[in-house]
Each structure stands twice: as structure tokens, then as C-alpha cells.
All heavy atoms as atom14 arrays in JSON, in Angstrom:
{
  "sequence": "AVADYRQGLLLVGENPARVAQIAAEISQSLTAAGERGYWQKRLEI",
  "atom14_mask": [
    [1, 1, 1, 1, 1, 0, 0, 0, 0, 0, 0, 0, 0, 0],
    [1, 1, 1, 1, 1, 1, 1, 0, 0, 0, 0, 0, 0, 0],
    [1, 1, 1, 1, 1, 0, 0, 0, 0, 0, 0, 0, 0, 0],
    [1, 1, 1, 1, 1, 1, 1, 1, 0, 0, 0, 0, 0, 0],
    [1, 1, 1, 1, 1, 1, 1, 1, 1, 1, 1, 1, 0, 0],
    [1, 1, 1, 1, 1, 1, 1, 1, 1, 1, 1, 0, 0, 0],
    [1, 1, 1, 1, 1, 1, 1, 1, 1, 0, 0, 0, 0, 0],
    [1, 1, 1, 1, 0, 0, 0, 0, 0, 0, 0, 0, 0, 0],
    [1, 1, 1, 1, 1, 1, 1, 1, 0, 0, 0, 0, 0, 0],
    [1, 1, 1, 1, 1, 1, 1, 1, 0, 0, 0, 0, 0, 0],
    [1, 1, 1, 1, 1, 1, 1, 1, 0, 0, 0, 0, 0, 0],
    [1, 1, 1, 1, 1, 1, 1, 0, 0, 0, 0, 0, 0, 0],
    [1, 1, 1, 1, 0, 0, 0, 0, 0, 0, 0, 0, 0, 0],
    [1, 1, 1, 1, 1, 1, 1, 1, 1, 0, 0, 0, 0, 0],
    [1, 1, 1, 1, 1, 1, 1, 1, 0, 0, 0, 0, 0, 0],
    [1, 1, 1, 1, 1, 1, 1, 0, 0, 0, 0, 0, 0, 0],
    [1, 1, 1, 1, 1, 0, 0, 0, 0, 0, 0, 0, 0, 0],
    [1, 1, 1, 1, 1, 1, 1, 1, 1, 1, 1, 0, 0, 0],
    [1, 1, 1, 1, 1, 1, 1, 0, 0, 0, 0, 0, 0, 0],
    [1, 1, 1, 1, 1, 0, 0, 0, 0, 0, 0, 0, 0, 0],
    [1, 1, 1, 1, 1, 1, 1, 1, 1, 0, 0, 0, 0, 0],
    [1, 1, 1, 1, 1, 1, 1, 1, 0, 0, 0, 0, 0, 0],
    [1, 1, 1, 1, 1, 0, 0, 0, 0, 0, 0, 0, 0, 0],
    [1, 1, 1, 1, 1, 0, 0, 0, 0, 0, 0, 0, 0, 0],
    [1, 1, 1, 1, 1, 1, 1, 1, 1, 0, 0, 0, 0, 0],
    [1, 1, 1, 1, 1, 1, 1, 1, 0, 0, 0, 0, 0, 0],
    [1, 1, 1, 1, 1, 1, 0, 0, 0, 0, 0, 0, 0, 0],
    [1, 1, 1, 1, 1, 1, 1, 1, 1, 0, 0, 0, 0, 0],
    [1, 1, 1, 1, 1, 1, 0, 0, 0, 0, 0, 0, 0, 0],
    [1, 1, 1, 1, 1, 1, 1, 1, 0, 0, 0, 0, 0, 0],
    [1, 1, 1, 1, 1, 1, 1, 0, 0, 0, 0, 0, 0, 0],
    [1, 1, 1, 1, 1, 0, 0, 0, 0, 0, 0, 0, 0, 0],
    [1, 1, 1, 1, 1, 0, 0, 0, 0, 0, 0, 0, 0, 0],
    [1, 1, 1, 1, 0, 0, 0, 0, 0, 0, 0, 0, 0, 0],
    [1, 1, 1, 1, 1, 1, 1, 1, 1, 0, 0, 0, 0, 0],
    [1, 1, 1, 1, 1, 1, 1, 1, 1, 1, 1, 0, 0, 0],
    [1, 1, 1, 1, 0, 0, 0, 0, 0, 0, 0, 0, 0, 0],
    [1, 1, 1, 1, 1, 1, 1, 1, 1, 1, 1, 1, 0, 0],
    [1, 1, 1, 1, 1, 1, 1, 1, 1, 1, 1, 1, 1, 1],
    [1, 1, 1, 1, 1, 1, 1, 1, 1, 0, 0, 0, 0, 0],
    [1, 1, 1, 1, 1, 1, 1, 1, 1, 0, 0, 0, 0, 0],
    [1, 1, 1, 1, 1, 1, 1, 1, 1, 1, 1, 0, 0, 0],
    [1, 1, 1, 1, 1, 1, 1, 1, 0, 0, 0, 0, 0, 0],
    [1, 1, 1, 1, 1, 1, 1, 1, 1, 0, 0, 0, 0, 0],
    [1, 1, 1, 1, 1, 1, 1, 1, 0, 0, 0, 0, 0, 0]
  ],
  "atom14_positions": [
    [[-11.57, -86.48, -116.86], [-11.5, -86.27, -118.33], [-11.56, -84.8, -118.68], [-10.84, -84.3, -119.52], [-12.65, -87.02, -119.01], [0.0, 0.0, 0.0], [0.0, 0.0, 0.0], [0.0, 0.0, 0.0], [0.0, 0.0, 0.0], [0.0, 0.0, 0.0], [0.0, 0.0, 0.0], [0.0, 0.0, 0.0], [0.0, 0.0, 0.0], [0.0, 0.0, 0.0]],
    [[-12.43, -84.06, -118.01], [-12.58, -82.61, -118.27], [-11.26, -81.92, -117.99], [-10.83, -81.11, -118.73], [-13.72, -82.02, -117.46], [-13.71, -80.52, -117.44], [-15.12, -82.59, -117.88], [0.0, 0.0, 0.0], [0.0, 0.0, 0.0], [0.0, 0.0, 0.0], [0.0, 0.0, 0.0], [0.0, 0.0, 0.0], [0.0, 0.0, 0.0], [0.0, 0.0, 0.0]],
    [[-10.66, -82.3, -116.8], [-9.37, -81.64, -116.47], [-8.27, -81.93, -117.49], [-7.56, -80.96, -117.87], [-8.97, -82.19, -115.05], [0.0, 0.0, 0.0], [0.0, 0.0, 0.0], [0.0, 0.0, 0.0], [0.0, 0.0, 0.0], [0.0, 0.0, 0.0], [0.0, 0.0, 0.0], [0.0, 0.0, 0.0], [0.0, 0.0, 0.0], [0.0, 0.0, 0.0]],
    [[-8.24, -83.14, -118.05], [-7.21, -83.4, -119.01], [-7.47, -82.79, -120.36], [-6.62, -82.24, -121.01], [-7.02, -84.96, -119.16], [-6.03, -85.51, -118.18], [-5.45, -84.73, -117.38], [-5.89, -86.76, -118.17], [0.0, 0.0, 0.0], [0.0, 0.0, 0.0], [0.0, 0.0, 0.0], [0.0, 0.0, 0.0], [0.0, 0.0, 0.0], [0.0, 0.0, 0.0]],
    [[-8.82, -82.7, -120.8], [-9.08, -82.07, -121.99], [-8.77, -80.54, -121.8], [-8.17, -79.97, -122.7], [-10.59, -82.16, -122.34], [-10.97, -83.41, -123.04], [-11.96, -84.25, -122.56], [-10.3, -83.87, -124.21], [-12.33, -85.43, -123.18], [-10.66, -85.07, -124.78], [-11.69, -85.81, -124.29], [-12.0, -87.01, -124.95], [0.0, 0.0, 0.0], [0.0, 0.0, 0.0]],
    [[-9.02, -80.06, -120.73], [-8.68, -78.64, -120.41], [-7.21, -78.39, -120.58], [-6.79, -77.42, -121.25], [-9.18, -78.23, -119.02], [-8.93, -76.8, -118.74], [-9.48, -76.51, -117.34], [-9.36, -75.03, -117.1], [-9.93, -74.45, -116.13], [-10.76, -75.02, -115.26], [-9.73, -73.14, -115.96], [0.0, 0.0, 0.0], [0.0, 0.0, 0.0], [0.0, 0.0, 0.0]],
    [[-6.44, -79.17, -119.91], [-4.94, -79.03, -120.02], [-4.46, -79.18, -121.44], [-3.6, -78.38, -121.96], [-4.25, -80.09, -119.1], [-2.8, -79.94, -119.09], [-2.31, -78.6, -118.5], [-2.89, -77.93, -117.66], [-1.17, -78.15, -118.94], [0.0, 0.0, 0.0], [0.0, 0.0, 0.0], [0.0, 0.0, 0.0], [0.0, 0.0, 0.0], [0.0, 0.0, 0.0]],
    [[-5.04, -80.17, -122.2], [-4.58, -80.38, -123.55], [-4.89, -79.18, -124.47], [-4.06, -78.72, -125.26], [0.0, 0.0, 0.0], [0.0, 0.0, 0.0], [0.0, 0.0, 0.0], [0.0, 0.0, 0.0], [0.0, 0.0, 0.0], [0.0, 0.0, 0.0], [0.0, 0.0, 0.0], [0.0, 0.0, 0.0], [0.0, 0.0, 0.0], [0.0, 0.0, 0.0]],
    [[-6.07, -78.62, -124.22], [-6.55, -77.45, -125.0], [-5.66, -76.24, -124.71], [-5.28, -75.46, -125.63], [-8.01, -77.07, -124.78], [-8.97, -78.09, -125.43], [-10.34, -77.83, -124.91], [-8.93, -78.0, -126.97], [0.0, 0.0, 0.0], [0.0, 0.0, 0.0], [0.0, 0.0, 0.0], [0.0, 0.0, 0.0], [0.0, 0.0, 0.0], [0.0, 0.0, 0.0]],
    [[-5.29, -76.08, -123.53], [-4.37, -74.97, -123.13], [-2.99, -75.1, -123.73], [-2.45, -74.17, -124.25], [-4.28, -74.9, -121.54], [-5.53, -74.38, -120.85], [-5.3, -74.55, -119.32], [-5.9, -72.98, -121.21], [0.0, 0.0, 0.0], [0.0, 0.0, 0.0], [0.0, 0.0, 0.0], [0.0, 0.0, 0.0], [0.0, 0.0, 0.0], [0.0, 0.0, 0.0]],
    [[-2.56, -76.38, -123.74], [-1.17, -76.61, -124.35], [-1.18, -76.38, -125.85], [-0.11, -76.07, -126.44], [-0.76, -78.01, -124.03], [-0.35, -78.24, -122.57], [-0.11, -79.69, -122.27], [0.9, -77.38, -122.25], [0.0, 0.0, 0.0], [0.0, 0.0, 0.0], [0.0, 0.0, 0.0], [0.0, 0.0, 0.0], [0.0, 0.0, 0.0], [0.0, 0.0, 0.0]],
    [[-2.32, -76.56, -126.56], [-2.28, -76.28, -127.98], [-2.59, -74.85, -128.29], [-2.58, -74.46, -129.45], [-3.32, -77.18, -128.78], [-2.91, -78.61, -128.67], [-4.7, -76.9, -128.38], [0.0, 0.0, 0.0], [0.0, 0.0, 0.0], [0.0, 0.0, 0.0], [0.0, 0.0, 0.0], [0.0, 0.0, 0.0], [0.0, 0.0, 0.0], [0.0, 0.0, 0.0]],
    [[-2.72, -73.99, -127.27], [-2.82, -72.61, -127.53], [-4.27, -72.02, -127.53], [-4.42, -70.88, -127.96], [0.0, 0.0, 0.0], [0.0, 0.0, 0.0], [0.0, 0.0, 0.0], [0.0, 0.0, 0.0], [0.0, 0.0, 0.0], [0.0, 0.0, 0.0], [0.0, 0.0, 0.0], [0.0, 0.0, 0.0], [0.0, 0.0, 0.0], [0.0, 0.0, 0.0]],
    [[-5.26, -72.82, -127.14], [-6.58, -72.24, -127.1], [-6.73, -71.2, -126.09], [-5.91, -71.16, -125.06], [-7.56, -73.41, -126.86], [-7.79, -74.34, -127.96], [-8.43, -73.76, -129.2], [-9.08, -72.78, -129.12], [-8.19, -74.32, -130.3], [0.0, 0.0, 0.0], [0.0, 0.0, 0.0], [0.0, 0.0, 0.0], [0.0, 0.0, 0.0], [0.0, 0.0, 0.0]],
    [[-7.58, -70.25, -126.23], [-7.84, -69.17, -125.32], [-8.2, -69.65, -123.91], [-9.18, -70.43, -123.77], [-8.92, -68.26, -125.84], [-9.3, -67.03, -124.97], [-9.55, -67.35, -123.78], [-9.26, -65.95, -125.55], [0.0, 0.0, 0.0], [0.0, 0.0, 0.0], [0.0, 0.0, 0.0], [0.0, 0.0, 0.0], [0.0, 0.0, 0.0], [0.0, 0.0, 0.0]],
    [[-7.44, -69.27, -122.92], [-7.69, -69.86, -121.52], [-9.11, -69.57, -121.06], [-9.71, -70.39, -120.37], [-6.61, -69.16, -120.68], [-5.49, -68.86, -121.62], [-6.19, -68.53, -122.9], [0.0, 0.0, 0.0], [0.0, 0.0, 0.0], [0.0, 0.0, 0.0], [0.0, 0.0, 0.0], [0.0, 0.0, 0.0], [0.0, 0.0, 0.0], [0.0, 0.0, 0.0]],
    [[-9.64, -68.37, -121.28], [-10.9, -68.0, -120.85], [-12.0, -68.93, -121.52], [-12.93, -69.32, -120.91], [-11.24, -66.53, -121.06], [0.0, 0.0, 0.0], [0.0, 0.0, 0.0], [0.0, 0.0, 0.0], [0.0, 0.0, 0.0], [0.0, 0.0, 0.0], [0.0, 0.0, 0.0], [0.0, 0.0, 0.0], [0.0, 0.0, 0.0], [0.0, 0.0, 0.0]],
    [[-11.78, -69.09, -122.76], [-12.68, -69.98, -123.52], [-12.61, -71.4, -123.0], [-13.62, -72.07, -122.94], [-12.37, -69.91, -125.0], [-13.24, -70.68, -125.94], [-12.9, -70.37, -127.35], [-13.78, -71.08, -128.16], [-13.58, -71.33, -129.48], [-12.38, -70.96, -130.02], [-14.41, -71.97, -130.22], [0.0, 0.0, 0.0], [0.0, 0.0, 0.0], [0.0, 0.0, 0.0]],
    [[-11.47, -71.88, -122.83], [-11.25, -73.22, -122.33], [-11.87, -73.41, -120.94], [-12.65, -74.42, -120.73], [-9.74, -73.68, -122.31], [-9.59, -74.99, -121.56], [-9.21, -73.69, -123.64], [0.0, 0.0, 0.0], [0.0, 0.0, 0.0], [0.0, 0.0, 0.0], [0.0, 0.0, 0.0], [0.0, 0.0, 0.0], [0.0, 0.0, 0.0], [0.0, 0.0, 0.0]],
    [[-11.77, -72.38, -120.01], [-12.39, -72.44, -118.76], [-13.86, -72.48, -118.86], [-14.54, -73.22, -118.14], [-11.93, -71.29, -117.92], [0.0, 0.0, 0.0], [0.0, 0.0, 0.0], [0.0, 0.0, 0.0], [0.0, 0.0, 0.0], [0.0, 0.0, 0.0], [0.0, 0.0, 0.0], [0.0, 0.0, 0.0], [0.0, 0.0, 0.0], [0.0, 0.0, 0.0]],
    [[-14.49, -71.73, -119.82], [-15.87, -71.71, -119.94], [-16.33, -73.03, -120.49], [-17.42, -73.54, -119.98], [-16.29, -70.56, -120.95], [-17.74, -70.48, -121.27], [-18.6, -70.22, -120.12], [-18.16, -69.44, -119.21], [-19.78, -70.77, -119.99], [0.0, 0.0, 0.0], [0.0, 0.0, 0.0], [0.0, 0.0, 0.0], [0.0, 0.0, 0.0], [0.0, 0.0, 0.0]],
    [[-15.66, -73.63, -121.39], [-16.12, -74.97, -121.9], [-16.05, -76.03, -120.88], [-17.01, -76.73, -120.63], [-15.24, -75.32, -123.12], [-15.52, -74.49, -124.36], [-15.39, -76.79, -123.47], [-14.58, -74.59, -125.48], [0.0, 0.0, 0.0], [0.0, 0.0, 0.0], [0.0, 0.0, 0.0], [0.0, 0.0, 0.0], [0.0, 0.0, 0.0], [0.0, 0.0, 0.0]],
    [[-14.95, -75.97, -120.07], [-14.85, -76.9, -119.01], [-15.98, -76.76, -117.96], [-16.53, -77.78, -117.45], [-13.46, -76.79, -118.33], [0.0, 0.0, 0.0], [0.0, 0.0, 0.0], [0.0, 0.0, 0.0], [0.0, 0.0, 0.0], [0.0, 0.0, 0.0], [0.0, 0.0, 0.0], [0.0, 0.0, 0.0], [0.0, 0.0, 0.0], [0.0, 0.0, 0.0]],
    [[-16.29, -75.52, -117.68], [-17.36, -75.23, -116.64], [-18.73, -75.71, -117.15], [-19.46, -76.31, -116.41], [-17.35, -73.79, -116.28], [0.0, 0.0, 0.0], [0.0, 0.0, 0.0], [0.0, 0.0, 0.0], [0.0, 0.0, 0.0], [0.0, 0.0, 0.0], [0.0, 0.0, 0.0], [0.0, 0.0, 0.0], [0.0, 0.0, 0.0], [0.0, 0.0, 0.0]],
    [[-18.93, -75.5, -118.43], [-20.22, -75.95, -119.03], [-20.38, -77.52, -118.89], [-21.41, -78.0, -118.55], [-20.35, -75.57, -120.46], [-20.57, -74.05, -120.72], [-20.72, -73.75, -122.18], [-21.33, -74.53, -122.92], [-20.23, -72.69, -122.58], [0.0, 0.0, 0.0], [0.0, 0.0, 0.0], [0.0, 0.0, 0.0], [0.0, 0.0, 0.0], [0.0, 0.0, 0.0]],
    [[-19.29, -78.19, -119.29], [-19.37, -79.64, -119.25], [-19.5, -80.18, -117.86], [-20.29, -81.01, -117.54], [-18.11, -80.23, -119.95], [-18.2, -79.98, -121.42], [-18.04, -81.66, -119.73], [-17.04, -80.45, -122.21], [0.0, 0.0, 0.0], [0.0, 0.0, 0.0], [0.0, 0.0, 0.0], [0.0, 0.0, 0.0], [0.0, 0.0, 0.0], [0.0, 0.0, 0.0]],
    [[-18.68, -79.47, -116.93], [-18.83, -79.95, -115.52], [-20.24, -79.72, -114.94], [-20.82, -80.56, -114.16], [-17.82, -79.23, -114.66], [-16.54, -79.67, -114.97], [0.0, 0.0, 0.0], [0.0, 0.0, 0.0], [0.0, 0.0, 0.0], [0.0, 0.0, 0.0], [0.0, 0.0, 0.0], [0.0, 0.0, 0.0], [0.0, 0.0, 0.0], [0.0, 0.0, 0.0]],
    [[-20.86, -78.6, -115.25], [-22.15, -78.24, -114.88], [-23.26, -79.26, -115.41], [-24.1, -79.74, -114.68], [-22.61, -76.88, -115.22], [-21.89, -75.8, -114.43], [-22.04, -74.39, -115.03], [-22.64, -74.2, -116.03], [-21.44, -73.41, -114.36], [0.0, 0.0, 0.0], [0.0, 0.0, 0.0], [0.0, 0.0, 0.0], [0.0, 0.0, 0.0], [0.0, 0.0, 0.0]],
    [[-23.01, -79.67, -116.68], [-23.86, -80.69, -117.27], [-23.79, -81.98, -116.59], [-24.73, -82.74, -116.41], [-23.71, -80.74, -118.73], [-24.11, -79.5, -119.38], [0.0, 0.0, 0.0], [0.0, 0.0, 0.0], [0.0, 0.0, 0.0], [0.0, 0.0, 0.0], [0.0, 0.0, 0.0], [0.0, 0.0, 0.0], [0.0, 0.0, 0.0], [0.0, 0.0, 0.0]],
    [[-22.55, -82.33, -116.26], [-22.28, -83.59, -115.6], [-22.95, -83.62, -114.24], [-23.59, -84.61, -113.89], [-20.73, -83.83, -115.46], [-20.36, -85.05, -114.69], [-20.77, -86.38, -115.4], [-18.76, -85.06, -114.57], [0.0, 0.0, 0.0], [0.0, 0.0, 0.0], [0.0, 0.0, 0.0], [0.0, 0.0, 0.0], [0.0, 0.0, 0.0], [0.0, 0.0, 0.0]],
    [[-22.8, -82.5, -113.55], [-23.41, -82.43, -112.23], [-24.97, -82.46, -112.35], [-25.59, -83.21, -111.47], [-22.99, -81.16, -111.44], [-21.61, -81.17, -111.36], [-23.69, -81.06, -110.06], [0.0, 0.0, 0.0], [0.0, 0.0, 0.0], [0.0, 0.0, 0.0], [0.0, 0.0, 0.0], [0.0, 0.0, 0.0], [0.0, 0.0, 0.0], [0.0, 0.0, 0.0]],
    [[-25.5, -81.8, -113.25], [-26.96, -81.67, -113.39], [-27.61, -82.96, -113.97], [-28.73, -83.4, -113.49], [-27.39, -80.53, -114.27], [0.0, 0.0, 0.0], [0.0, 0.0, 0.0], [0.0, 0.0, 0.0], [0.0, 0.0, 0.0], [0.0, 0.0, 0.0], [0.0, 0.0, 0.0], [0.0, 0.0, 0.0], [0.0, 0.0, 0.0], [0.0, 0.0, 0.0]],
    [[-27.0, -83.61, -114.92], [-27.6, -84.71, -115.62], [-26.77, -86.01, -115.76], [-27.08, -86.87, -116.52], [-28.04, -84.24, -117.0], [0.0, 0.0, 0.0], [0.0, 0.0, 0.0], [0.0, 0.0, 0.0], [0.0, 0.0, 0.0], [0.0, 0.0, 0.0], [0.0, 0.0, 0.0], [0.0, 0.0, 0.0], [0.0, 0.0, 0.0], [0.0, 0.0, 0.0]],
    [[-25.66, -86.01, -114.99], [-24.8, -87.2, -114.96], [-24.15, -87.5, -116.32], [-23.79, -86.57, -117.08], [0.0, 0.0, 0.0], [0.0, 0.0, 0.0], [0.0, 0.0, 0.0], [0.0, 0.0, 0.0], [0.0, 0.0, 0.0], [0.0, 0.0, 0.0], [0.0, 0.0, 0.0], [0.0, 0.0, 0.0], [0.0, 0.0, 0.0], [0.0, 0.0, 0.0]],
    [[-23.92, -88.78, -116.62], [-23.2, -89.18, -117.8], [-23.86, -88.67, -119.03], [-23.15, -88.21, -119.96], [-23.09, -90.73, -117.77], [-22.33, -91.24, -118.91], [-22.24, -92.8, -118.91], [-22.81, -93.41, -117.99], [-21.5, -93.35, -119.76], [0.0, 0.0, 0.0], [0.0, 0.0, 0.0], [0.0, 0.0, 0.0], [0.0, 0.0, 0.0], [0.0, 0.0, 0.0]],
    [[-25.16, -88.81, -119.1], [-25.88, -88.33, -120.27], [-25.59, -86.81, -120.51], [-25.41, -86.38, -121.64], [-27.36, -88.67, -120.16], [-28.17, -88.31, -121.36], [-29.62, -88.67, -121.18], [-30.37, -88.29, -122.27], [-30.71, -89.06, -123.38], [-30.23, -90.29, -123.36], [-31.43, -88.63, -124.32], [0.0, 0.0, 0.0], [0.0, 0.0, 0.0], [0.0, 0.0, 0.0]],
    [[-25.69, -86.04, -119.46], [-25.41, -84.59, -119.59], [-24.06, -84.3, -120.06], [-23.86, -83.35, -120.84], [0.0, 0.0, 0.0], [0.0, 0.0, 0.0], [0.0, 0.0, 0.0], [0.0, 0.0, 0.0], [0.0, 0.0, 0.0], [0.0, 0.0, 0.0], [0.0, 0.0, 0.0], [0.0, 0.0, 0.0], [0.0, 0.0, 0.0], [0.0, 0.0, 0.0]],
    [[-23.07, -85.06, -119.55], [-21.71, -84.89, -120.04], [-21.6, -85.06, -121.53], [-21.04, -84.24, -122.21], [-20.81, -85.91, -119.33], [-19.44, -85.93, -119.81], [-18.46, -85.13, -119.3], [-18.96, -86.81, -120.78], [-17.09, -85.18, -119.63], [-17.61, -86.87, -121.25], [-16.68, -86.03, -120.7], [-15.48, -86.05, -121.15], [0.0, 0.0, 0.0], [0.0, 0.0, 0.0]],
    [[-22.13, -86.23, -122.01], [-22.03, -86.49, -123.5], [-22.78, -85.57, -124.31], [-22.39, -85.13, -125.37], [-22.38, -87.93, -123.79], [-21.35, -88.89, -123.23], [-21.48, -89.72, -122.16], [-20.02, -89.07, -123.76], [-20.29, -90.39, -121.94], [-19.35, -90.01, -122.98], [-19.28, -88.47, -124.81], [-18.09, -90.48, -123.14], [-17.98, -88.93, -124.96], [-17.37, -89.87, -124.18]],
    [[-23.96, -85.1, -123.84], [-24.74, -84.12, -124.62], [-24.04, -82.84, -124.77], [-24.01, -82.22, -125.86], [-26.14, -83.93, -123.97], [-27.02, -85.15, -124.2], [-28.41, -84.96, -123.53], [-28.49, -84.37, -122.47], [-29.41, -85.49, -124.13], [0.0, 0.0, 0.0], [0.0, 0.0, 0.0], [0.0, 0.0, 0.0], [0.0, 0.0, 0.0], [0.0, 0.0, 0.0]],
    [[-23.45, -82.44, -123.62], [-22.76, -81.13, -123.63], [-21.53, -81.22, -124.51], [-21.18, -80.26, -125.2], [-22.41, -80.68, -122.19], [-21.81, -79.29, -122.11], [-22.67, -78.18, -122.77], [-23.84, -77.87, -121.97], [-24.59, -76.63, -122.47], [0.0, 0.0, 0.0], [0.0, 0.0, 0.0], [0.0, 0.0, 0.0], [0.0, 0.0, 0.0], [0.0, 0.0, 0.0]],
    [[-20.88, -82.32, -124.41], [-19.61, -82.42, -125.31], [-19.94, -82.29, -126.74], [-19.28, -81.63, -127.53], [-18.99, -83.76, -125.06], [-17.86, -83.68, -123.97], [-16.88, -84.86, -124.07], [-16.06, -84.75, -125.2], [-15.58, -85.77, -125.86], [-15.87, -86.98, -125.53], [-14.79, -85.59, -126.98], [0.0, 0.0, 0.0], [0.0, 0.0, 0.0], [0.0, 0.0, 0.0]],
    [[-21.09, -82.97, -127.16], [-21.57, -82.96, -128.52], [-21.94, -81.48, -128.91], [-21.59, -80.99, -129.99], [-22.74, -83.93, -128.72], [-23.32, -83.88, -130.11], [-22.3, -84.24, -131.19], [-24.54, -84.85, -130.22], [0.0, 0.0, 0.0], [0.0, 0.0, 0.0], [0.0, 0.0, 0.0], [0.0, 0.0, 0.0], [0.0, 0.0, 0.0], [0.0, 0.0, 0.0]],
    [[-22.66, -80.84, -128.06], [-23.16, -79.46, -128.29], [-21.95, -78.52, -128.46], [-21.85, -77.74, -129.34], [-23.99, -78.98, -127.08], [-24.41, -77.52, -127.21], [-25.02, -77.05, -125.93], [-25.83, -77.85, -125.37], [-24.67, -75.99, -125.49], [0.0, 0.0, 0.0], [0.0, 0.0, 0.0], [0.0, 0.0, 0.0], [0.0, 0.0, 0.0], [0.0, 0.0, 0.0]],
    [[-20.93, -78.66, -127.6], [-19.71, -77.79, -127.67], [-18.97, -78.16, -129.01], [-18.5, -77.18, -129.67], [-18.87, -78.0, -126.49], [-19.59, -77.34, -125.31], [-17.49, -77.46, -126.68], [-18.95, -77.59, -123.94], [0.0, 0.0, 0.0], [0.0, 0.0, 0.0], [0.0, 0.0, 0.0], [0.0, 0.0, 0.0], [0.0, 0.0, 0.0], [0.0, 0.0, 0.0]]
  ]
}
């Protein structure tokens, strides 16, 4: 899901560095706290 959101955001013209940072934050939250971390970080972002 993160990979596809990242690709979609790049295709609509979002800043690549910003998109990479957002994707990294979500991936880190997923690794650290699992599904709950994923959803919490998505809401925060």
C-alpha cells in the first residue's frame, strides 16, 4: 500500500523528497508498531 501511495503521489506531481519522507515515516511506524502504527501515522500525516 505504501509503495502504491508513493507512486500515485509522484504521478500527481508531489515533491519526490517529501513523498519519500512520508513513505519512510509510515514504513517505520509499521515496522515499530504494526498495523496500529501504520494507521496512526497515516492519520498524523
